[in-house]
Amino acid sequence: MQVICVQEEAFYALFEKVIEHVESKRQDKPEKWIDVEEAMSILRIKSTTTLQKLRNEGKIRFSQPQKKIILYDRDSIIAYIEKHVRETF
């Protein structure tokens, strides 16, 4: 058996690199662009008209790669929700 000695700083730097690598390879990270149903689910709304209103007013980002396909930016939806947070007293 071989023993390798590493300085503490080098060990933690290597450990951080391993964590970054593992996280970049994870399969379960959420998609950046989501469909109408998932956007409505995150926003807890039931009307596509409300979603369209948010889109038309520029409150959430979207992409329209084809005429009948509209995808929504998950991060902008989360940012929209965070923007409307009410702080407790």
PDB file of N, CA and C in Angstrom:
ATOM      1  N   MET A   1       0.848  -1.188   0.000  1.00  0.00           N
ATOM      2  CA  MET A   1       0.000   0.000   0.000  1.00  0.00           C
ATOM      3  C   MET A   1       0.884   1.239   0.000  1.00  0.00           C
ATOM      4  N   GLN A   2       0.432   2.240  -0.745  1.00  0.00           N
ATOM      5  CA  GLN A   2       1.174   3.473  -0.869  1.00  0.00           C
ATOM      6  C   GLN A   2       0.423   4.593  -0.154  1.00  0.00           C
ATOM      7  N   VAL A   3       1.136   5.415   0.591  1.00  0.00           N
ATOM      8  CA  VAL A   3       0.543   6.531   1.306  1.00  0.00           C
ATOM      9  C   VAL A   3       1.007   7.825   0.654  1.00  0.00           C
ATOM     10  N   ILE A   4       0.057   8.722   0.387  1.00  0.00           N
ATOM     11  CA  ILE A   4       0.378  10.007  -0.226  1.00  0.00           C
ATOM     12  C   ILE A   4       0.029  11.104   0.768  1.00  0.00           C
ATOM     13  N   CYS A   5       0.971  11.974   1.033  1.00  0.00           N
ATOM     14  CA  CYS A   5       0.752  13.098   1.931  1.00  0.00           C
ATOM     15  C   CYS A   5       0.503  14.352   1.098  1.00  0.00           C
ATOM     16  N   VAL A   6      -0.514  15.103   1.496  1.00  0.00           N
ATOM     17  CA  VAL A   6      -0.881  16.325   0.787  1.00  0.00           C
ATOM     18  C   VAL A   6      -1.105  17.421   1.821  1.00  0.00           C
ATOM     19  N   GLN A   7      -0.675  18.629   1.466  1.00  0.00           N
ATOM     20  CA  GLN A   7      -0.921  19.747   2.373  1.00  0.00           C
ATOM     21  C   GLN A   7      -2.422  19.979   2.485  1.00  0.00           C
ATOM     22  N   GLU A   8      -2.833  20.514   3.609  1.00  0.00           N
ATOM     23  CA  GLU A   8      -4.256  20.720   3.868  1.00  0.00           C
ATOM     24  C   GLU A   8      -4.909  21.600   2.804  1.00  0.00           C
ATOM     25  N   GLU A   9      -4.283  22.692   2.416  1.00  0.00           N
ATOM     26  CA  GLU A   9      -4.839  23.587   1.406  1.00  0.00           C
ATOM     27  C   GLU A   9      -5.013  22.862   0.069  1.00  0.00           C
ATOM     28  N   ALA A  10      -4.030  22.076  -0.313  1.00  0.00           N
ATOM     29  CA  ALA A  10      -4.101  21.338  -1.578  1.00  0.00           C
ATOM     30  C   ALA A  10      -5.208  20.291  -1.519  1.00  0.00           C
ATOM     31  N   PHE A  11      -5.377  19.663  -0.358  1.00  0.00           N
ATOM     32  CA  PHE A  11      -6.437  18.662  -0.203  1.00  0.00           C
ATOM     33  C   PHE A  11      -7.814  19.290  -0.401  1.00  0.00           C
ATOM     34  N   TYR A  12      -8.043  20.437   0.252  1.00  0.00           N
ATOM     35  CA  TYR A  12      -9.351  21.086   0.134  1.00  0.00           C
ATOM     36  C   TYR A  12      -9.586  21.632  -1.278  1.00  0.00           C
ATOM     37  N   ALA A  13      -8.535  22.117  -1.931  1.00  0.00           N
ATOM     38  CA  ALA A  13      -8.674  22.585  -3.308  1.00  0.00           C
ATOM     39  C   ALA A  13      -9.052  21.425  -4.226  1.00  0.00           C
ATOM     40  N   LEU A  14      -8.413  20.284  -4.025  1.00  0.00           N
ATOM     41  CA  LEU A  14      -8.732  19.091  -4.812  1.00  0.00           C
ATOM     42  C   LEU A  14     -10.157  18.636  -4.521  1.00  0.00           C
ATOM     43  N   PHE A  15     -10.541  18.671  -3.271  1.00  0.00           N
ATOM     44  CA  PHE A  15     -11.884  18.266  -2.863  1.00  0.00           C
ATOM     45  C   PHE A  15     -12.941  19.149  -3.528  1.00  0.00           C
ATOM     46  N   GLU A  16     -12.706  20.465  -3.567  1.00  0.00           N
ATOM     47  CA  GLU A  16     -13.635  21.394  -4.225  1.00  0.00           C
ATOM     48  C   GLU A  16     -13.752  21.091  -5.713  1.00  0.00           C
ATOM     49  N   LYS A  17     -12.639  20.785  -6.365  1.00  0.00           N
ATOM     50  CA  LYS A  17     -12.663  20.440  -7.793  1.00  0.00           C
ATOM     51  C   LYS A  17     -13.480  19.176  -8.031  1.00  0.00           C
ATOM     52  N   VAL A  18     -13.346  18.196  -7.154  1.00  0.00           N
ATOM     53  CA  VAL A  18     -14.116  16.956  -7.282  1.00  0.00           C
ATOM     54  C   VAL A  18     -15.604  17.244  -7.134  1.00  0.00           C
ATOM     55  N   ILE A  19     -15.977  18.072  -6.173  1.00  0.00           N
ATOM     56  CA  ILE A  19     -17.385  18.430  -5.968  1.00  0.00           C
ATOM     57  C   ILE A  19     -17.933  19.154  -7.201  1.00  0.00           C
ATOM     58  N   GLU A  20     -17.189  20.107  -7.748  1.00  0.00           N
ATOM     59  CA  GLU A  20     -17.621  20.817  -8.955  1.00  0.00           C
ATOM     60  C   GLU A  20     -17.839  19.848 -10.116  1.00  0.00           C
ATOM     61  N   HIS A  21     -16.922  18.917 -10.265  1.00  0.00           N
ATOM     62  CA  HIS A  21     -17.029  17.939 -11.355  1.00  0.00           C
ATOM     63  C   HIS A  21     -18.263  17.061 -11.188  1.00  0.00           C
ATOM     64  N   VAL A  22     -18.494  16.575  -9.990  1.00  0.00           N
ATOM     65  CA  VAL A  22     -19.647  15.705  -9.735  1.00  0.00           C
ATOM     66  C   VAL A  22     -20.948  16.469  -9.963  1.00  0.00           C
ATOM     67  N   GLU A  23     -21.023  17.698  -9.495  1.00  0.00           N
ATOM     68  CA  GLU A  23     -22.239  18.492  -9.675  1.00  0.00           C
ATOM     69  C   GLU A  23     -22.499  18.818 -11.141  1.00  0.00           C
ATOM     70  N   SER A  24     -21.456  19.011 -11.915  1.00  0.00           N
ATOM     71  CA  SER A  24     -21.650  19.300 -13.343  1.00  0.00           C
ATOM     72  C   SER A  24     -22.149  18.076 -14.099  1.00  0.00           C
ATOM     73  N   LYS A  25     -21.895  16.888 -13.576  1.00  0.00           N
ATOM     74  CA  LYS A  25     -22.315  15.646 -14.234  1.00  0.00           C
ATOM     75  C   LYS A  25     -23.656  15.128 -13.745  1.00  0.00           C
ATOM     76  N   ARG A  26     -24.237  15.771 -12.750  1.00  0.00           N
ATOM     77  CA  ARG A  26     -25.519  15.307 -12.212  1.00  0.00           C
ATOM     78  C   ARG A  26     -26.590  15.337 -13.279  1.00  0.00           C
ATOM     79  N   GLN A  27     -27.414  14.321 -13.299  1.00  0.00           N
ATOM     80  CA  GLN A  27     -28.479  14.218 -14.284  1.00  0.00           C
ATOM     81  C   GLN A  27     -29.782  14.840 -13.806  1.00  0.00           C
ATOM     82  N   ASP A  28     -29.924  15.038 -12.514  1.00  0.00           N
ATOM     83  CA  ASP A  28     -31.205  15.487 -11.979  1.00  0.00           C
ATOM     84  C   ASP A  28     -31.308  17.004 -11.792  1.00  0.00           C
ATOM     85  N   LYS A  29     -30.366  17.764 -12.354  1.00  0.00           N
ATOM     86  CA  LYS A  29     -30.502  19.215 -12.213  1.00  0.00           C
ATOM     87  C   LYS A  29     -31.625  19.701 -13.123  1.00  0.00           C
ATOM     88  N   PRO A  30     -32.364  20.696 -12.674  1.00  0.00           N
ATOM     89  CA  PRO A  30     -33.542  21.136 -13.431  1.00  0.00           C
ATOM     90  C   PRO A  30     -33.160  21.773 -14.762  1.00  0.00           C
ATOM     91  N   GLU A  31     -34.049  21.633 -15.715  1.00  0.00           N
ATOM     92  CA  GLU A  31     -33.866  22.226 -17.034  1.00  0.00           C
ATOM     93  C   GLU A  31     -34.016  23.744 -16.951  1.00  0.00           C
ATOM     94  N   LYS A  32     -33.243  24.455 -17.753  1.00  0.00           N
ATOM     95  CA  LYS A  32     -33.355  25.918 -17.778  1.00  0.00           C
ATOM     96  C   LYS A  32     -34.662  26.348 -18.443  1.00  0.00           C
ATOM     97  N   TRP A  33     -35.040  25.710 -19.532  1.00  0.00           N
ATOM     98  CA  TRP A  33     -36.245  26.067 -20.277  1.00  0.00           C
ATOM     99  C   TRP A  33     -37.324  25.036 -20.005  1.00  0.00           C
ATOM    100  N   ILE A  34     -38.487  25.515 -19.580  1.00  0.00           N
ATOM    101  CA  ILE A  34     -39.575  24.621 -19.196  1.00  0.00           C
ATOM    102  C   ILE A  34     -40.821  24.915 -20.026  1.00  0.00           C
ATOM    103  N   ASP A  35     -41.734  23.954 -20.069  1.00  0.00           N
ATOM    104  CA  ASP A  35     -42.952  24.114 -20.859  1.00  0.00           C
ATOM    105  C   ASP A  35     -44.035  24.846 -20.057  1.00  0.00           C
ATOM    106  N   VAL A  36     -45.161  25.059 -20.719  1.00  0.00           N
ATOM    107  CA  VAL A  36     -46.271  25.819 -20.132  1.00  0.00           C
ATOM    108  C   VAL A  36     -46.759  25.192 -18.829  1.00  0.00           C
ATOM    109  N   GLU A  37     -46.948  23.878 -18.841  1.00  0.00           N
ATOM    110  CA  GLU A  37     -47.497  23.201 -17.657  1.00  0.00           C
ATOM    111  C   GLU A  37     -46.591  23.361 -16.450  1.00  0.00           C
ATOM    112  N   GLU A  38     -45.284  23.188 -16.648  1.00  0.00           N
ATOM    113  CA  GLU A  38     -44.364  23.308 -15.517  1.00  0.00           C
ATOM    114  C   GLU A  38     -44.278  24.755 -15.033  1.00  0.00           C
ATOM    115  N   ALA A  39     -44.306  25.710 -15.954  1.00  0.00           N
ATOM    116  CA  ALA A  39     -44.288  27.128 -15.568  1.00  0.00           C
ATOM    117  C   ALA A  39     -45.511  27.465 -14.728  1.00  0.00           C
ATOM    118  N   MET A  40     -46.671  26.981 -15.160  1.00  0.00           N
ATOM    119  CA  MET A  40     -47.901  27.226 -14.405  1.00  0.00           C
ATOM    120  C   MET A  40     -47.852  26.546 -13.043  1.00  0.00           C
ATOM    121  N   SER A  41     -47.243  25.389 -12.987  1.00  0.00           N
ATOM    122  CA  SER A  41     -47.121  24.673 -11.723  1.00  0.00           C
ATOM    123  C   SER A  41     -46.231  25.435 -10.742  1.00  0.00           C
ATOM    124  N   ILE A  42     -45.102  25.938 -11.220  1.00  0.00           N
ATOM    125  CA  ILE A  42     -44.192  26.688 -10.348  1.00  0.00           C
ATOM    126  C   ILE A  42     -44.862  27.964  -9.842  1.00  0.00           C
ATOM    127  N   LEU A  43     -45.574  28.642 -10.742  1.00  0.00           N
ATOM    128  CA  LEU A  43     -46.252  29.886 -10.367  1.00  0.00           C
ATOM    129  C   LEU A  43     -47.543  29.655  -9.583  1.00  0.00           C
ATOM    130  N   ARG A  44     -48.007  28.413  -9.544  1.00  0.00           N
ATOM    131  CA  ARG A  44     -49.255  28.038  -8.868  1.00  0.00           C
ATOM    132  C   ARG A  44     -50.452  28.772  -9.472  1.00  0.00           C
ATOM    133  N   ILE A  45     -50.473  28.832 -10.826  1.00  0.00           N
ATOM    134  CA  ILE A  45     -51.605  29.429 -11.515  1.00  0.00           C
ATOM    135  C   ILE A  45     -52.288  28.365 -12.370  1.00  0.00           C
ATOM    136  N   LYS A  46     -53.538  28.565 -12.669  1.00  0.00           N
ATOM    137  CA  LYS A  46     -54.301  27.577 -13.430  1.00  0.00           C
ATOM    138  C   LYS A  46     -54.699  28.083 -14.819  1.00  0.00           C
ATOM    139  N   SER A  47     -54.447  29.351 -15.086  1.00  0.00           N
ATOM    140  CA  SER A  47     -54.893  29.954 -16.334  1.00  0.00           C
ATOM    141  C   SER A  47     -53.715  30.257 -17.260  1.00  0.00           C
ATOM    142  N   THR A  48     -53.832  29.807 -18.507  1.00  0.00           N
ATOM    143  CA  THR A  48     -52.801  30.143 -19.489  1.00  0.00           C
ATOM    144  C   THR A  48     -52.854  31.628 -19.839  1.00  0.00           C
ATOM    145  N   THR A  49     -54.004  32.233 -19.632  1.00  0.00           N
ATOM    146  CA  THR A  49     -54.142  33.673 -19.895  1.00  0.00           C
ATOM    147  C   THR A  49     -53.272  34.477 -18.933  1.00  0.00           C
ATOM    148  N   THR A  50     -53.227  34.055 -17.675  1.00  0.00           N
ATOM    149  CA  THR A  50     -52.382  34.730 -16.688  1.00  0.00           C
ATOM    150  C   THR A  50     -50.914  34.587 -17.073  1.00  0.00           C
ATOM    151  N   LEU A  51     -50.540  33.403 -17.515  1.00  0.00           N
ATOM    152  CA  LEU A  51     -49.163  33.168 -17.943  1.00  0.00           C
ATOM    153  C   LEU A  51     -48.829  34.042 -19.153  1.00  0.00           C
ATOM    154  N   GLN A  52     -49.747  34.143 -20.094  1.00  0.00           N
ATOM    155  CA  GLN A  52     -49.547  34.972 -21.269  1.00  0.00           C
ATOM    156  C   GLN A  52     -49.415  36.444 -20.872  1.00  0.00           C
ATOM    157  N   LYS A  53     -50.195  36.872 -19.892  1.00  0.00           N
ATOM    158  CA  LYS A  53     -50.131  38.262 -19.421  1.00  0.00           C
ATOM    159  C   LYS A  53     -48.746  38.558 -18.835  1.00  0.00           C
ATOM    160  N   LEU A  54     -48.230  37.636 -18.018  1.00  0.00           N
ATOM    161  CA  LEU A  54     -46.897  37.816 -17.445  1.00  0.00           C
ATOM    162  C   LEU A  54     -45.841  37.885 -18.549  1.00  0.00           C
ATOM    163  N   ARG A  55     -46.016  37.064 -19.554  1.00  0.00           N
ATOM    164  CA  ARG A  55     -45.096  37.040 -20.689  1.00  0.00           C
ATOM    165  C   ARG A  55     -45.178  38.350 -21.475  1.00  0.00           C
ATOM    166  N   ASN A  56     -46.396  38.794 -21.798  1.00  0.00           N
ATOM    167  CA  ASN A  56     -46.585  40.007 -22.596  1.00  0.00           C
ATOM    168  C   ASN A  56     -46.102  41.268 -21.883  1.00  0.00           C
ATOM    169  N   GLU A  57     -46.211  41.283 -20.556  1.00  0.00           N
ATOM    170  CA  GLU A  57     -45.768  42.441 -19.778  1.00  0.00           C
ATOM    171  C   GLU A  57     -44.266  42.418 -19.516  1.00  0.00           C
ATOM    172  N   GLY A  58     -43.592  41.357 -19.976  1.00  0.00           N
ATOM    173  CA  GLY A  58     -42.142  41.271 -19.806  1.00  0.00           C
ATOM    174  C   GLY A  58     -41.701  40.909 -18.405  1.00  0.00           C
ATOM    175  N   LYS A  59     -42.589  40.304 -17.639  1.00  0.00           N
ATOM    176  CA  LYS A  59     -42.260  39.958 -16.257  1.00  0.00           C
ATOM    177  C   LYS A  59     -41.513  38.636 -16.149  1.00  0.00           C
ATOM    178  N   ILE A  60     -41.693  37.752 -17.131  1.00  0.00           N
ATOM    179  CA  ILE A  60     -40.932  36.500 -17.180  1.00  0.00           C
ATOM    180  C   ILE A  60     -40.386  36.323 -18.595  1.00  0.00           C
ATOM    181  N   ARG A  61     -39.207  35.725 -18.676  1.00  0.00           N
ATOM    182  CA  ARG A  61     -38.566  35.508 -19.975  1.00  0.00           C
ATOM    183  C   ARG A  61     -39.144  34.268 -20.642  1.00  0.00           C
ATOM    184  N   PHE A  62     -39.153  34.303 -21.964  1.00  0.00           N
ATOM    185  CA  PHE A  62     -39.625  33.144 -22.711  1.00  0.00           C
ATOM    186  C   PHE A  62     -38.894  33.056 -24.043  1.00  0.00           C
ATOM    187  N   SER A  63     -39.011  31.909 -24.663  1.00  0.00           N
ATOM    188  CA  SER A  63     -38.439  31.684 -25.981  1.00  0.00           C
ATOM    189  C   SER A  63     -39.501  30.986 -26.818  1.00  0.00           C
ATOM    190  N   GLN A  64     -39.540  31.323 -28.082  1.00  0.00           N
ATOM    191  CA  GLN A  64     -40.512  30.694 -28.969  1.00  0.00           C
ATOM    192  C   GLN A  64     -39.764  30.109 -30.173  1.00  0.00           C
ATOM    193  N   PRO A  65     -39.207  28.894 -30.005  1.00  0.00           N
ATOM    194  CA  PRO A  65     -38.415  28.300 -31.079  1.00  0.00           C
ATOM    195  C   PRO A  65     -39.239  27.917 -32.312  1.00  0.00           C
ATOM    196  N   GLN A  66     -40.516  27.650 -32.112  1.00  0.00           N
ATOM    197  CA  GLN A  66     -41.429  27.370 -33.220  1.00  0.00           C
ATOM    198  C   GLN A  66     -42.746  28.077 -32.935  1.00  0.00           C
ATOM    199  N   LYS A  67     -43.571  28.176 -33.958  1.00  0.00           N
ATOM    200  CA  LYS A  67     -44.802  28.961 -33.833  1.00  0.00           C
ATOM    201  C   LYS A  67     -45.664  28.566 -32.638  1.00  0.00           C
ATOM    202  N   LYS A  68     -45.863  27.279 -32.420  1.00  0.00           N
ATOM    203  CA  LYS A  68     -46.763  26.826 -31.348  1.00  0.00           C
ATOM    204  C   LYS A  68     -46.024  26.331 -30.098  1.00  0.00           C
ATOM    205  N   ILE A  69     -44.723  26.535 -30.044  1.00  0.00           N
ATOM    206  CA  ILE A  69     -43.944  26.087 -28.880  1.00  0.00           C
ATOM    207  C   ILE A  69     -43.396  27.302 -28.156  1.00  0.00           C
ATOM    208  N   ILE A  70     -43.797  27.448 -26.900  1.00  0.00           N
ATOM    209  CA  ILE A  70     -43.288  28.527 -26.054  1.00  0.00           C
ATOM    210  C   ILE A  70     -42.651  27.887 -24.830  1.00  0.00           C
ATOM    211  N   LEU A  71     -41.410  28.256 -24.582  1.00  0.00           N
ATOM    212  CA  LEU A  71     -40.680  27.755 -23.420  1.00  0.00           C
ATOM    213  C   LEU A  71     -40.383  28.930 -22.491  1.00  0.00           C
ATOM    214  N   TYR A  72     -40.378  28.650 -21.206  1.00  0.00           N
ATOM    215  CA  TYR A  72     -40.187  29.694 -20.201  1.00  0.00           C
ATOM    216  C   TYR A  72     -38.883  29.463 -19.452  1.00  0.00           C
ATOM    217  N   ASP A  73     -38.221  30.554 -19.097  1.00  0.00           N
ATOM    218  CA  ASP A  73     -36.961  30.499 -18.363  1.00  0.00           C
ATOM    219  C   ASP A  73     -37.267  30.280 -16.876  1.00  0.00           C
ATOM    220  N   ARG A  74     -36.854  29.131 -16.367  1.00  0.00           N
ATOM    221  CA  ARG A  74     -37.111  28.785 -14.965  1.00  0.00           C
ATOM    222  C   ARG A  74     -36.550  29.848 -14.025  1.00  0.00           C
ATOM    223  N   ASP A  75     -35.340  30.324 -14.304  1.00  0.00           N
ATOM    224  CA  ASP A  75     -34.709  31.310 -13.422  1.00  0.00           C
ATOM    225  C   ASP A  75     -35.499  32.620 -13.366  1.00  0.00           C
ATOM    226  N   SER A  76     -36.072  33.044 -14.501  1.00  0.00           N
ATOM    227  CA  SER A  76     -36.838  34.292 -14.478  1.00  0.00           C
ATOM    228  C   SER A  76     -38.149  34.116 -13.711  1.00  0.00           C
ATOM    229  N   ILE A  77     -38.714  32.921 -13.739  1.00  0.00           N
ATOM    230  CA  ILE A  77     -39.934  32.663 -12.967  1.00  0.00           C
ATOM    231  C   ILE A  77     -39.626  32.701 -11.474  1.00  0.00           C
ATOM    232  N   ILE A  78     -38.523  32.075 -11.089  1.00  0.00           N
ATOM    233  CA  ILE A  78     -38.104  32.098  -9.679  1.00  0.00           C
ATOM    234  C   ILE A  78     -37.795  33.540  -9.257  1.00  0.00           C
ATOM    235  N   ALA A  79     -37.121  34.305 -10.121  1.00  0.00           N
ATOM    236  CA  ALA A  79     -36.812  35.707  -9.815  1.00  0.00           C
ATOM    237  C   ALA A  79     -38.091  36.527  -9.660  1.00  0.00           C
ATOM    238  N   TYR A  80     -39.089  36.259 -10.500  1.00  0.00           N
ATOM    239  CA  TYR A  80     -40.377  36.948 -10.411  1.00  0.00           C
ATOM    240  C   TYR A  80     -41.038  36.661  -9.059  1.00  0.00           C
ATOM    241  N   ILE A  81     -41.004  35.412  -8.643  1.00  0.00           N
ATOM    242  CA  ILE A  81     -41.583  35.046  -7.342  1.00  0.00           C
ATOM    243  C   ILE A  81     -40.816  35.725  -6.213  1.00  0.00           C
ATOM    244  N   GLU A  82     -39.487  35.691  -6.287  1.00  0.00           N
ATOM    245  CA  GLU A  82     -38.648  36.302  -5.245  1.00  0.00           C
ATOM    246  C   GLU A  82     -38.871  37.819  -5.177  1.00  0.00           C
ATOM    247  N   LYS A  83     -39.128  38.440  -6.310  1.00  0.00           N
ATOM    248  CA  LYS A  83     -39.326  39.893  -6.354  1.00  0.00           C
ATOM    249  C   LYS A  83     -40.582  40.284  -5.580  1.00  0.00           C
ATOM    250  N   HIS A  84     -41.535  39.388  -5.477  1.00  0.00           N
ATOM    251  CA  HIS A  84     -42.799  39.695  -4.824  1.00  0.00           C
ATOM    252  C   HIS A  84     -42.911  39.121  -3.410  1.00  0.00           C
ATOM    253  N   VAL A  85     -41.775  38.806  -2.826  1.00  0.00           N
ATOM    254  CA  VAL A  85     -41.753  38.272  -1.455  1.00  0.00           C
ATOM    255  C   VAL A  85     -42.086  39.387  -0.480  1.00  0.00           C
ATOM    256  N   ARG A  86     -42.909  39.084   0.477  1.00  0.00           N
ATOM    257  CA  ARG A  86     -43.216  40.033   1.560  1.00  0.00           C
ATOM    258  C   ARG A  86     -42.444  39.596   2.802  1.00  0.00           C
ATOM    259  N   GLU A  87     -41.643  40.501   3.320  1.00  0.00           N
ATOM    260  CA  GLU A  87     -40.869  40.214   4.516  1.00  0.00           C
ATOM    261  C   GLU A  87     -41.777  40.232   5.748  1.00  0.00           C
ATOM    262  N   THR A  88     -41.446  39.387   6.710  1.00  0.00           N
ATOM    263  CA  THR A  88     -42.230  39.357   7.948  1.00  0.00           C
ATOM    264  C   THR A  88     -41.822  40.534   8.832  1.00  0.00           C
ATOM    265  N   PHE A  89     -42.668  40.883   9.747  1.00  0.00           N
ATOM    266  CA  PHE A  89     -42.427  42.026  10.624  1.00  0.00           C
ATOM    267  C   PHE A  89     -41.424  41.656  11.667  1.00  0.00           C
TER     268      PHE A  89
END
